[in-house]
Protein backbone atom coordinates (compact mmCIF):
# COMPACT_ATOMS: atom_id res chain seq x y z
CA MET A 1 25.38 -5.53 -30.41
CA THR A 2 25.22 -8.72 -28.29
CA SER A 3 22.68 -11.13 -28.30
CA THR A 4 21.65 -9.63 -24.57
CA ASN A 5 20.59 -6.62 -26.23
CA LYS A 6 19.37 -7.66 -28.92
CA ALA A 7 16.89 -9.82 -27.08
CA ALA A 8 15.93 -6.43 -24.14
CA LYS A 9 15.36 -4.52 -27.82
CA ALA A 10 12.86 -7.03 -29.05
CA VAL A 11 11.27 -7.47 -25.46
CA THR A 12 11.16 -3.53 -25.51
CA ARG A 13 9.56 -3.36 -28.87
CA LYS A 14 6.49 -6.50 -28.81
CA PRO A 15 6.12 -6.34 -24.95
CA PRO A 16 4.76 -9.90 -23.88
CA ALA A 17 1.11 -11.45 -24.64
CA GLY A 18 -0.68 -10.68 -21.66
CA ALA A 19 0.87 -7.56 -20.81
CA LEU A 20 -2.43 -5.37 -21.04
CA LYS A 21 -4.27 -8.26 -19.24
CA ALA A 22 -2.69 -8.45 -16.17
CA TYR A 23 -1.95 -4.70 -15.59
CA VAL A 24 -5.63 -4.65 -15.58
CA ALA A 25 -5.75 -7.48 -13.42
CA SER A 26 -3.23 -6.26 -10.73
CA LEU A 27 -5.02 -2.72 -10.82
CA THR A 28 -8.29 -4.06 -10.20
CA GLY A 29 -7.43 -6.52 -7.38
CA THR A 30 -5.22 -4.45 -5.72
CA SER A 31 -7.91 -1.99 -6.20
CA LEU A 32 -10.25 -4.09 -4.27
CA GLU A 33 -7.97 -5.59 -1.87
CA TYR A 34 -7.06 -2.01 -0.68
CA TYR A 35 -10.23 -1.00 -0.26
CA ASP A 36 -10.89 -3.75 2.25
CA PHE A 37 -7.70 -1.87 4.19
CA ALA A 38 -9.11 1.40 3.54
CA ILE A 39 -12.58 1.08 4.95
CA TYR A 40 -10.47 -0.17 7.76
CA SER A 41 -7.91 2.54 8.30
CA VAL A 42 -10.99 5.12 8.28
CA ALA A 43 -13.24 3.16 10.53
CA SER A 44 -10.26 2.67 13.30
CA ALA A 45 -10.16 6.90 12.96
CA ALA A 46 -13.80 8.04 13.10
CA ILE A 47 -15.96 4.84 14.24
CA PHE A 48 -14.36 2.17 16.39
CA PRO A 49 -13.19 4.06 18.93
CA LYS A 50 -16.69 4.45 19.88
CA ILE A 51 -18.38 1.21 19.45
CA PHE A 52 -15.51 -0.94 20.05
CA PHE A 53 -13.45 0.75 22.77
CA PRO A 54 -15.63 2.90 24.95
CA ALA A 55 -12.42 4.06 27.63
CA GLY A 56 -13.85 6.41 29.19
CA ASP A 57 -11.59 8.73 27.63
CA ASP A 58 -12.00 9.93 24.02
CA PHE A 59 -7.95 9.81 23.52
CA VAL A 60 -7.49 6.06 25.49
CA ALA A 61 -10.16 5.14 22.63
CA LEU A 62 -7.88 6.49 19.85
CA ILE A 63 -4.77 4.56 21.10
CA LEU A 64 -6.74 1.18 21.61
CA SER A 65 -8.42 1.95 17.74
CA PHE A 66 -5.31 3.17 16.02
CA SER A 67 -3.13 -0.37 17.57
CA THR A 68 -5.86 -2.52 15.99
CA TYR A 69 -4.90 -0.56 13.04
CA ALA A 70 -1.43 -1.03 13.35
CA VAL A 71 -1.77 -4.80 13.36
CA GLY A 72 -2.73 -4.98 10.14
CA TYR A 73 1.41 -3.66 9.09
CA PHE A 74 2.79 -5.93 11.68
CA ALA A 75 0.66 -9.04 10.52
CA ARG A 76 2.33 -8.13 7.06
CA PRO A 77 5.94 -9.87 7.67
CA ILE A 78 4.65 -12.40 8.23
CA GLY A 79 2.31 -12.88 4.56
CA GLY A 80 5.57 -11.90 2.63
CA VAL A 81 7.45 -14.61 4.38
CA ILE A 82 4.26 -16.93 3.82
CA PHE A 83 3.56 -16.54 0.49
CA GLY A 84 6.73 -14.52 -0.38
CA ARG A 85 8.21 -18.19 -0.16
CA LEU A 86 5.48 -19.88 -2.24
CA GLY A 87 5.09 -16.88 -4.93
CA ASP A 88 8.52 -17.76 -5.80
CA ARG A 89 7.73 -21.99 -5.89
CA ILE A 90 4.73 -23.04 -7.02
CA GLY A 91 3.91 -18.93 -9.10
CA ARG A 92 2.03 -15.48 -8.79
CA LYS A 93 -1.50 -16.43 -9.67
CA TYR A 94 -2.95 -18.61 -6.91
CA VAL A 95 -1.18 -17.15 -4.15
CA LEU A 96 -2.72 -13.98 -5.52
CA VAL A 97 -5.71 -15.87 -5.84
CA PHE A 98 -5.43 -16.83 -2.17
CA THR A 99 -4.79 -13.78 -1.14
CA LEU A 100 -7.46 -11.78 -2.13
CA VAL A 101 -10.02 -14.82 -0.72
CA LEU A 102 -8.53 -14.60 2.95
CA ILE A 103 -8.67 -10.71 3.28
CA GLY A 104 -12.36 -10.55 1.37
CA VAL A 105 -13.38 -13.70 3.85
CA ALA A 106 -11.71 -10.97 7.10
CA THR A 107 -13.33 -7.86 6.14
CA VAL A 108 -17.23 -9.67 6.00
CA LEU A 109 -16.48 -10.61 9.56
CA ILE A 110 -15.33 -8.00 10.49
CA GLY A 111 -19.41 -6.18 8.98
CA ALA A 112 -21.13 -8.90 11.23
CA LEU A 113 -18.98 -8.57 14.18
CA PRO A 114 -20.56 -7.69 17.35
CA ASP A 115 -19.97 -4.53 19.33
CA TYR A 116 -18.67 -3.88 22.80
CA SER A 117 -21.91 -3.16 24.22
CA ALA A 118 -22.97 -6.46 22.76
CA ILE A 119 -20.23 -9.54 23.45
CA GLY A 120 -17.69 -7.28 25.79
CA ALA A 121 -14.39 -7.42 25.61
CA ALA A 122 -15.06 -10.18 22.69
CA ALA A 123 -15.21 -8.10 20.44
CA PRO A 124 -12.32 -5.86 20.39
CA ALA A 125 -10.17 -9.64 20.53
CA ILE A 126 -12.31 -10.77 17.33
CA LEU A 127 -11.37 -6.88 15.99
CA VAL A 128 -7.41 -7.75 16.30
CA LEU A 129 -7.79 -11.44 14.86
CA LEU A 130 -9.34 -10.26 12.02
CA ARG A 131 -7.27 -7.38 11.62
CA LEU A 132 -4.13 -10.11 11.13
CA ALA A 133 -5.67 -12.24 8.86
CA GLN A 134 -6.58 -8.79 6.96
CA GLY A 135 -2.15 -7.98 7.41
CA ILE A 136 -1.76 -11.54 6.22
CA GLY A 137 -3.44 -11.63 2.78
CA VAL A 138 -2.20 -8.06 2.27
CA GLY A 139 1.66 -8.56 3.15
CA GLY A 140 1.46 -11.51 0.80
CA GLU A 141 -0.62 -9.90 -2.19
CA TRP A 142 1.73 -6.52 -2.87
CA GLY A 143 4.71 -8.82 -4.19
CA GLY A 144 2.90 -10.57 -6.66
CA ALA A 145 0.71 -8.10 -7.35
CA VAL A 146 3.55 -5.96 -9.00
CA LEU A 147 5.22 -8.95 -10.36
CA LEU A 148 2.33 -9.75 -12.44
CA SER A 149 2.22 -6.72 -14.49
CA SER A 150 6.69 -5.90 -14.21
CA GLU A 151 7.24 -9.42 -15.32
CA PHE A 152 4.42 -8.77 -18.35
CA GLY A 153 5.30 -5.64 -19.20
CA ASP A 154 8.26 -3.89 -21.55
CA PRO A 155 11.48 -4.52 -18.43
CA ASN A 156 12.85 -1.39 -19.72
CA LYS A 157 9.15 0.94 -18.28
CA ARG A 158 8.67 -1.27 -15.51
CA GLY A 159 8.17 1.63 -13.05
CA PHE A 160 5.04 1.78 -15.38
CA TRP A 161 3.40 -1.69 -16.12
CA SER A 162 4.20 -1.75 -12.67
CA SER A 163 2.30 0.47 -11.42
CA ALA A 164 -1.12 -0.67 -11.92
CA ALA A 165 -0.26 -1.93 -8.48
CA GLN A 166 0.30 0.98 -6.66
CA ILE A 167 -2.94 2.09 -8.16
CA GLY A 168 -4.74 -0.06 -5.74
CA PRO A 169 -4.32 1.68 -2.89
CA PRO A 170 -5.96 5.56 -4.16
CA ALA A 171 -8.53 3.99 -6.15
CA GLY A 172 -9.17 1.53 -3.24
CA ASN A 173 -9.25 4.96 -0.76
CA LEU A 174 -11.46 6.10 -2.96
CA MET A 175 -13.79 2.92 -3.06
CA ALA A 176 -13.89 3.69 0.55
CA ASN A 177 -14.29 6.92 1.87
CA GLY A 178 -16.89 7.24 -1.68
CA VAL A 179 -18.95 3.85 0.94
CA LEU A 180 -18.37 6.18 4.09
CA ALA A 181 -19.03 9.82 2.77
CA VAL A 182 -22.39 8.47 0.96
CA LEU A 183 -23.35 6.62 4.17
CA ALA A 184 -21.95 9.75 6.56
CA ALA A 185 -24.40 11.81 4.32
CA SER A 186 -27.50 9.41 4.31
CA LEU A 187 -27.47 8.93 7.44
CA SER A 188 -27.79 10.01 11.53
CA GLU A 189 -24.75 9.14 13.54
CA ASP A 190 -26.10 7.24 15.54
CA ALA A 191 -27.40 4.99 12.53
CA LEU A 192 -23.75 5.18 11.22
CA LEU A 193 -22.06 4.19 14.12
CA SER A 194 -24.95 1.39 14.83
CA TRP A 195 -25.25 -0.51 11.30
CA GLY A 196 -24.43 2.13 8.45
CA TRP A 197 -20.89 1.29 8.48
CA ARG A 198 -21.29 -2.14 8.67
CA ILE A 199 -22.38 -1.99 4.77
CA ALA A 200 -19.73 -0.93 4.39
CA PHE A 201 -17.17 -3.61 5.62
CA LEU A 202 -20.23 -6.60 3.61
CA SER A 203 -20.01 -5.26 0.90
CA SER A 204 -16.84 -6.69 0.82
CA ALA A 205 -18.26 -9.87 -0.11
CA LEU A 206 -19.30 -8.90 -4.37
CA LEU A 207 -15.84 -7.23 -4.77
CA VAL A 208 -14.02 -10.21 -3.78
CA ILE A 209 -16.12 -12.01 -6.65
CA PHE A 210 -15.20 -9.69 -9.19
CA GLY A 211 -11.72 -9.75 -8.14
CA LEU A 212 -11.86 -13.87 -8.57
CA ILE A 213 -13.31 -14.38 -11.35
CA ILE A 214 -10.57 -12.16 -13.47
CA ARG A 215 -6.98 -13.48 -11.30
CA LEU A 216 -8.34 -17.38 -12.37
CA LYS A 217 -8.26 -16.91 -15.65
CA LEU A 218 -4.73 -15.18 -16.33
CA GLU A 219 -1.68 -17.32 -17.25
CA GLU A 220 1.20 -17.42 -15.18
CA THR A 221 3.98 -14.60 -16.06
CA PRO A 222 6.60 -15.37 -18.62
CA VAL A 223 9.30 -14.69 -16.28
CA PHE A 224 8.02 -17.62 -13.65
CA LYS A 225 7.39 -19.48 -16.92
CA ALA A 226 11.10 -19.09 -17.65
CA ILE A 227 12.16 -19.60 -14.09
CA GLN A 228 10.48 -22.91 -13.99
CA ALA A 229 11.82 -23.70 -17.71
CA GLN A 230 15.42 -23.47 -16.57
CA GLY A 231 15.14 -24.87 -13.29
CA GLU A 232 15.97 -21.58 -11.64
CA ARG A 233 13.10 -22.67 -8.91
CA PRO A 234 14.74 -21.45 -5.60
CA ASN A 235 14.38 -24.46 -2.59
CA ALA A 236 15.32 -21.97 0.15
CA PRO A 237 13.77 -18.81 -1.29
CA LEU A 238 13.44 -16.35 2.34
CA LYS A 239 17.30 -18.22 3.09
CA GLU A 240 18.32 -16.84 0.09
CA VAL A 241 17.34 -12.97 0.34
CA PHE A 242 18.96 -12.99 3.35
CA THR A 243 22.32 -14.52 2.72
CA THR A 244 22.69 -12.93 -0.31
CA GLN A 245 21.11 -9.68 -1.11
CA PRO A 246 20.99 -8.15 2.64
CA LYS A 247 22.10 -4.48 0.91
CA ALA A 248 19.09 -4.64 -1.54
CA LEU A 249 16.64 -5.87 1.23
CA VAL A 250 17.37 -2.41 2.98
CA ALA A 251 17.46 -0.29 0.67
CA ALA A 252 14.33 -1.12 -0.56
CA ALA A 253 12.55 -1.52 2.90
CA LEU A 254 14.04 2.09 3.71
CA SER A 255 12.37 3.53 0.33
CA ARG A 256 8.76 2.82 1.92
CA VAL A 257 9.40 4.23 4.99
CA CYS A 258 8.16 8.47 4.42
CA PRO A 259 5.87 7.46 1.47
CA ASP A 260 3.74 4.46 4.40
CA ILE A 261 4.57 7.77 7.40
CA LEU A 262 3.38 10.41 4.25
CA TYR A 263 0.35 8.13 3.48
CA GLY A 264 -0.84 7.39 7.26
CA LEU A 265 -0.67 11.46 8.17
CA PHE A 266 -2.82 11.95 4.92
CA THR A 267 -5.36 9.60 5.18
CA VAL A 268 -5.56 8.66 8.90
CA PHE A 269 -4.73 10.96 11.55
CA LEU A 270 -5.40 13.75 9.60
CA TYR A 271 -9.08 12.71 11.03
CA VAL A 272 -8.20 13.46 14.43
CA TYR A 273 -6.49 16.83 14.02
CA ALA A 274 -8.52 18.37 11.39
CA THR A 275 -11.69 17.61 13.50
CA LYS A 276 -10.56 17.67 16.95
CA GLU A 277 -8.41 20.76 16.06
CA LEU A 278 -9.29 22.68 13.64
CA GLY A 279 -13.30 21.57 14.74
CA MET A 280 -13.85 20.87 11.03
CA THR A 281 -16.66 18.00 9.47
CA THR A 282 -15.75 14.44 9.09
CA GLY A 283 -16.87 14.76 6.06
CA ASN A 284 -14.60 18.23 5.71
CA VAL A 285 -11.70 15.45 5.42
CA LEU A 286 -13.74 12.92 3.76
CA ALA A 287 -13.70 15.06 0.73
CA ALA A 288 -10.59 16.14 0.79
CA ILE A 289 -9.11 13.12 1.04
CA LEU A 290 -11.31 11.26 -2.26
CA ILE A 291 -10.27 14.82 -4.49
CA GLY A 292 -6.46 13.95 -3.60
CA SER A 293 -7.18 10.41 -3.99
CA ALA A 294 -8.22 10.95 -7.38
CA PHE A 295 -5.41 12.77 -8.49
CA GLN A 296 -3.83 9.86 -7.46
CA LEU A 297 -5.22 7.47 -10.33
CA PHE A 298 -3.40 9.29 -12.64
CA LEU A 299 -0.43 10.60 -10.84
CA ILE A 300 0.77 6.88 -9.63
CA PRO A 301 1.79 5.90 -13.41
CA LEU A 302 2.58 9.54 -14.58
CA ALA A 303 5.37 9.05 -11.82
CA GLY A 304 6.28 5.55 -13.14
CA ALA A 305 6.09 6.22 -16.40
CA LEU A 306 8.77 9.50 -16.30
CA THR A 307 11.03 7.34 -14.27
CA ASP A 308 11.46 5.05 -16.56
CA ARG A 309 13.54 8.02 -19.11
CA ILE A 310 14.34 9.64 -15.75
CA ASN A 311 16.98 8.09 -13.29
CA ARG A 312 14.24 6.99 -10.50
CA ARG A 313 16.58 6.89 -7.61
CA LEU A 314 16.86 11.10 -8.38
CA VAL A 315 13.00 11.08 -8.46
CA TYR A 316 12.67 9.45 -5.81
CA GLY A 317 14.85 11.22 -3.81
CA VAL A 318 13.70 14.32 -4.72
CA THR A 319 10.77 14.02 -3.77
CA ALA A 320 11.05 12.82 -0.16
CA ALA A 321 13.02 16.23 0.01
CA ALA A 322 10.21 18.07 -0.42
CA THR A 323 7.83 15.91 0.90
CA ALA A 324 9.89 17.44 3.93
CA VAL A 325 9.86 20.84 3.09
CA PHE A 326 5.75 20.80 2.85
CA ILE A 327 4.76 19.46 5.29
CA PRO A 328 5.33 22.55 7.79
CA ILE A 329 3.86 25.05 5.20
CA PHE A 330 0.82 21.79 5.38
CA PHE A 331 -0.33 23.05 8.42
CA LEU A 332 0.01 26.16 8.27
CA MET A 333 -1.78 26.14 5.55
CA ILE A 334 -4.71 24.77 7.81
CA GLN A 335 -4.80 26.75 10.35
CA GLY A 336 -7.43 29.40 8.50
CA LYS A 337 -9.53 25.82 9.07
CA SER A 338 -10.26 26.53 5.03
CA THR A 339 -12.00 24.15 3.54
CA VAL A 340 -10.75 24.64 -0.03
CA MET A 341 -6.63 25.05 1.75
CA LEU A 342 -6.92 21.73 3.48
CA THR A 343 -8.27 19.56 -0.34
CA ILE A 344 -5.17 21.45 -1.71
CA GLY A 345 -3.21 20.68 0.86
CA VAL A 346 -4.48 16.84 1.07
CA VAL A 347 -4.16 16.88 -3.04
CA ILE A 348 -0.74 18.89 -2.75
CA GLY A 349 0.19 15.61 0.12
CA LEU A 350 -1.39 13.06 -2.09
CA ALA A 351 0.59 14.41 -4.85
CA LEU A 352 4.25 13.72 -3.50
CA HIS A 353 2.82 10.59 -2.29
CA ALA A 354 2.23 9.19 -5.93
CA PHE A 355 5.81 10.54 -6.95
CA MET A 356 7.45 7.79 -4.83
CA TYR A 357 4.69 5.32 -4.58
CA GLY A 358 4.42 5.69 -8.45
CA PRO A 359 8.05 4.55 -8.79
CA GLN A 360 8.17 2.70 -5.54
CA ALA A 361 7.24 -1.41 -7.02
CA ALA A 362 9.91 -1.06 -9.74
CA PHE A 363 12.39 0.34 -7.09
CA ILE A 364 11.41 -2.94 -5.54
CA THR A 365 11.38 -4.90 -7.57
CA GLU A 366 14.54 -4.24 -9.70
CA GLN A 367 16.72 -4.41 -6.70
CA PHE A 368 16.52 -8.62 -6.72
CA PRO A 369 17.19 -11.18 -9.57
CA ALA A 370 14.29 -11.96 -10.76
CA ARG A 371 14.36 -16.22 -8.79
CA LEU A 372 13.97 -14.06 -5.14
CA ARG A 373 11.87 -11.41 -6.08
CA TYR A 374 8.47 -12.44 -4.66
CA ALA A 375 10.37 -13.24 -1.99
CA GLY A 376 12.39 -10.14 -1.93
CA SER A 377 10.06 -7.78 -2.76
CA SER A 378 7.50 -8.76 -0.07
CA LEU A 379 9.85 -9.27 3.01
CA ALA A 380 11.03 -5.19 2.35
CA TYR A 381 7.70 -4.41 1.54
CA THR A 382 5.58 -5.94 4.66
CA LEU A 383 8.93 -4.82 6.62
CA ALA A 384 9.03 -1.25 6.03
CA GLY A 385 5.63 -1.55 6.51
CA VAL A 386 6.07 -2.21 10.70
CA ILE A 387 8.57 0.77 11.25
CA GLY A 388 7.31 2.90 8.39
CA GLY A 389 2.58 2.77 8.36
CA GLY A 390 2.07 0.19 11.26
CA PHE A 391 3.41 2.77 13.98
CA ALA A 392 2.29 5.85 12.29
CA PRO A 393 -1.19 6.62 13.78
CA ILE A 394 0.39 5.91 17.32
CA ILE A 395 3.35 8.20 16.97
CA PHE A 396 1.22 10.77 14.97
CA THR A 397 -0.91 10.65 17.90
CA ALA A 398 1.81 11.09 20.87
CA LEU A 399 3.58 13.65 18.84
CA TYR A 400 -0.56 15.48 18.93
CA GLY A 401 -0.72 15.06 22.43
CA ALA A 402 3.32 16.34 23.51
CA ALA A 403 2.81 18.91 21.82
CA ASN A 404 0.29 20.45 23.55
CA HIS A 405 -2.14 19.91 20.47
CA GLY A 406 0.76 21.21 18.20
CA TRP A 407 2.53 20.09 14.99
CA TYR A 408 5.61 20.91 14.87
CA LEU A 409 6.88 16.90 15.76
CA ILE A 410 4.59 15.44 13.36
CA ALA A 411 6.33 17.51 10.54
CA GLY A 412 10.07 16.41 12.70
CA TYR A 413 8.58 13.54 12.50
CA LEU A 414 7.96 13.06 8.57
CA LEU A 415 12.27 15.30 8.26
CA LEU A 416 13.33 12.17 9.72
CA ALA A 417 11.18 9.77 7.57
CA ALA A 418 12.42 11.48 4.43
CA ILE A 419 15.90 11.20 5.15
CA VAL A 420 15.73 7.64 5.47
CA THR A 421 14.16 7.05 2.27
CA ILE A 422 17.04 9.47 0.38
CA VAL A 423 19.52 6.62 2.61
CA GLY A 424 17.94 3.28 0.75
CA MET A 425 17.60 5.37 -2.62
CA LEU A 426 21.75 6.44 -2.20
CA MET A 427 22.14 2.76 -1.32
CA GLY A 428 20.07 0.95 -4.42
CA ARG A 429 20.92 -0.42 -7.72
CA ASP A 430 20.17 1.56 -10.90
CA PRO A 431 16.93 -1.17 -13.10
CA LYS A 432 19.15 -3.51 -15.46
CA PRO A 433 16.46 -4.49 -17.97
CA GLU A 434 18.85 -7.10 -19.77
CA GLU A 435 18.96 -9.55 -17.02
CA GLU A 436 15.73 -9.88 -17.53
CA ALA A 437 15.65 -10.45 -21.08
CA HIS A 438 18.35 -13.04 -20.28
CA LEU A 439 16.36 -15.40 -18.69
CA LEU A 440 13.85 -15.41 -21.55
CA GLU A 441 16.40 -15.46 -24.09
CA GLY A 442 18.03 -18.68 -22.33
CA SER A 443 14.38 -20.47 -21.61
CA ARG A 444 13.27 -19.81 -25.65
CA ALA A 445 17.55 -21.65 -26.40
C-alpha cells in the first residue's frame, strides 16, 4: 500500500478535529443566509408585485417583481469572482464572515424600505440595489460554506460532509415560509401588505448576530492550512480556473441547471400557478412547501451519504431523468385542486431536488484541485445560477402565458434542463480523495 493510500485510510478512520463543529457552522450559516434569500423569493411572488410594482396589470407587475428576484442570481457571479478569489488567497473563514454580514444588512434594509406609494419609483430602484447586495453575498457564501464542512471532514465521505451547506436552503426556506405563514394567518391581507411582511425581513438582524458568533469561533480548514504551509496558494485563481479547468467548470455549472430550475418551480412559480390557475390559497401553497422543505432536511444529507457509496454521477443523472418524467405527472395530480395532492406532489418534487442538491456540493468541489476549489466552485455555482434559477420564474411565467395558462411548455422546459444536467454528469470526473490525502500528508512532512 502506498503512503498516499495509507494517508487516505487514516483520514477515513479519523476525520480532523472540528469536523462536526464545522458541519454545524456551515449548516447554521447557510440556513440564516438562505432565510434572507427565501424571504425575498416568497415576497417577490406574493407581496412585492402589489406594493413595489403597481403597474395596473397583475401579469406585468408579476414579471417586474420576478425580474428583481432574478437580479439576485445575476449578482451571484460578481460575488463568486470577488470572494472566490479571496477564498483561495486569504482563506475560507473570514470571507464567510463578510458574506454573512452583507446579506443580513441588505435584508434588514429591505424590511425598512418605503414602498411605491411613499417614495414612488425610488422604491423599486432601491429594492433592486439591495437585492443585488443579497446576490453578491450568496455568490461568495456557497463555495466557502461547502469547503468549510468538507475540508474538515473525511474526503472519502465528501457527499455527506459537503451536504451541510446544502441543508441551508431548505432550512432557510422552511424558516421563511414558516414566518410568512404565521404572519398570513394572524394578520389581515391589508395589514400583511402594509407592515406585516417587514417583520420577516427585520428579524434577520437577530439571525445574523447568532451566525456571526458561531463563525468567528471557527479555525481555518486543515486543507487551506496545508496549502499555505506548502506555499501553493494561487496568485490568480480565477485565471487559472479558466485556463486550466475549462471542462471541470462547464461540468460543474451544468450540474446546477436542473435542480435550480426545479427549485424555482416548486418554491416560487407554484404560488402563481396554484393561486391564479387553480384558485387555491396562499396558505395551501405555503403549507405544502413547508412540508416538502421539512422532508428535505433529512433527504439532503441522506442523498449525499448515499453517493459516497454509489457512484455520485449515476445517482445525480438518474434523478435528473426522473425529474423530467415526474413534472407532467405533478401537473396532472393537482388539476383536481386537492390540497392533499398538491402537498404530495411538492414533497416528491422537492425530494427529487434533494437527491440532486444533496450531492451537488461534493460533485462541484471535487471537479477542481484543492488550491482552486473556492474560485472554481464559486464560479460554477454562480454562473449556472444565472442561466438556471435566475431566469426560471420569468421563463415559467412567460411559458404559462404563451400556453394560454397551460403547463405543457413548463414540463418541456424541465425536460431540457434535465438533459443539460445529465450532460454535465457525463462530462464530470469521479472523486479523487487521494489528492487531498497527499496534500495533508505533505504538509505534515
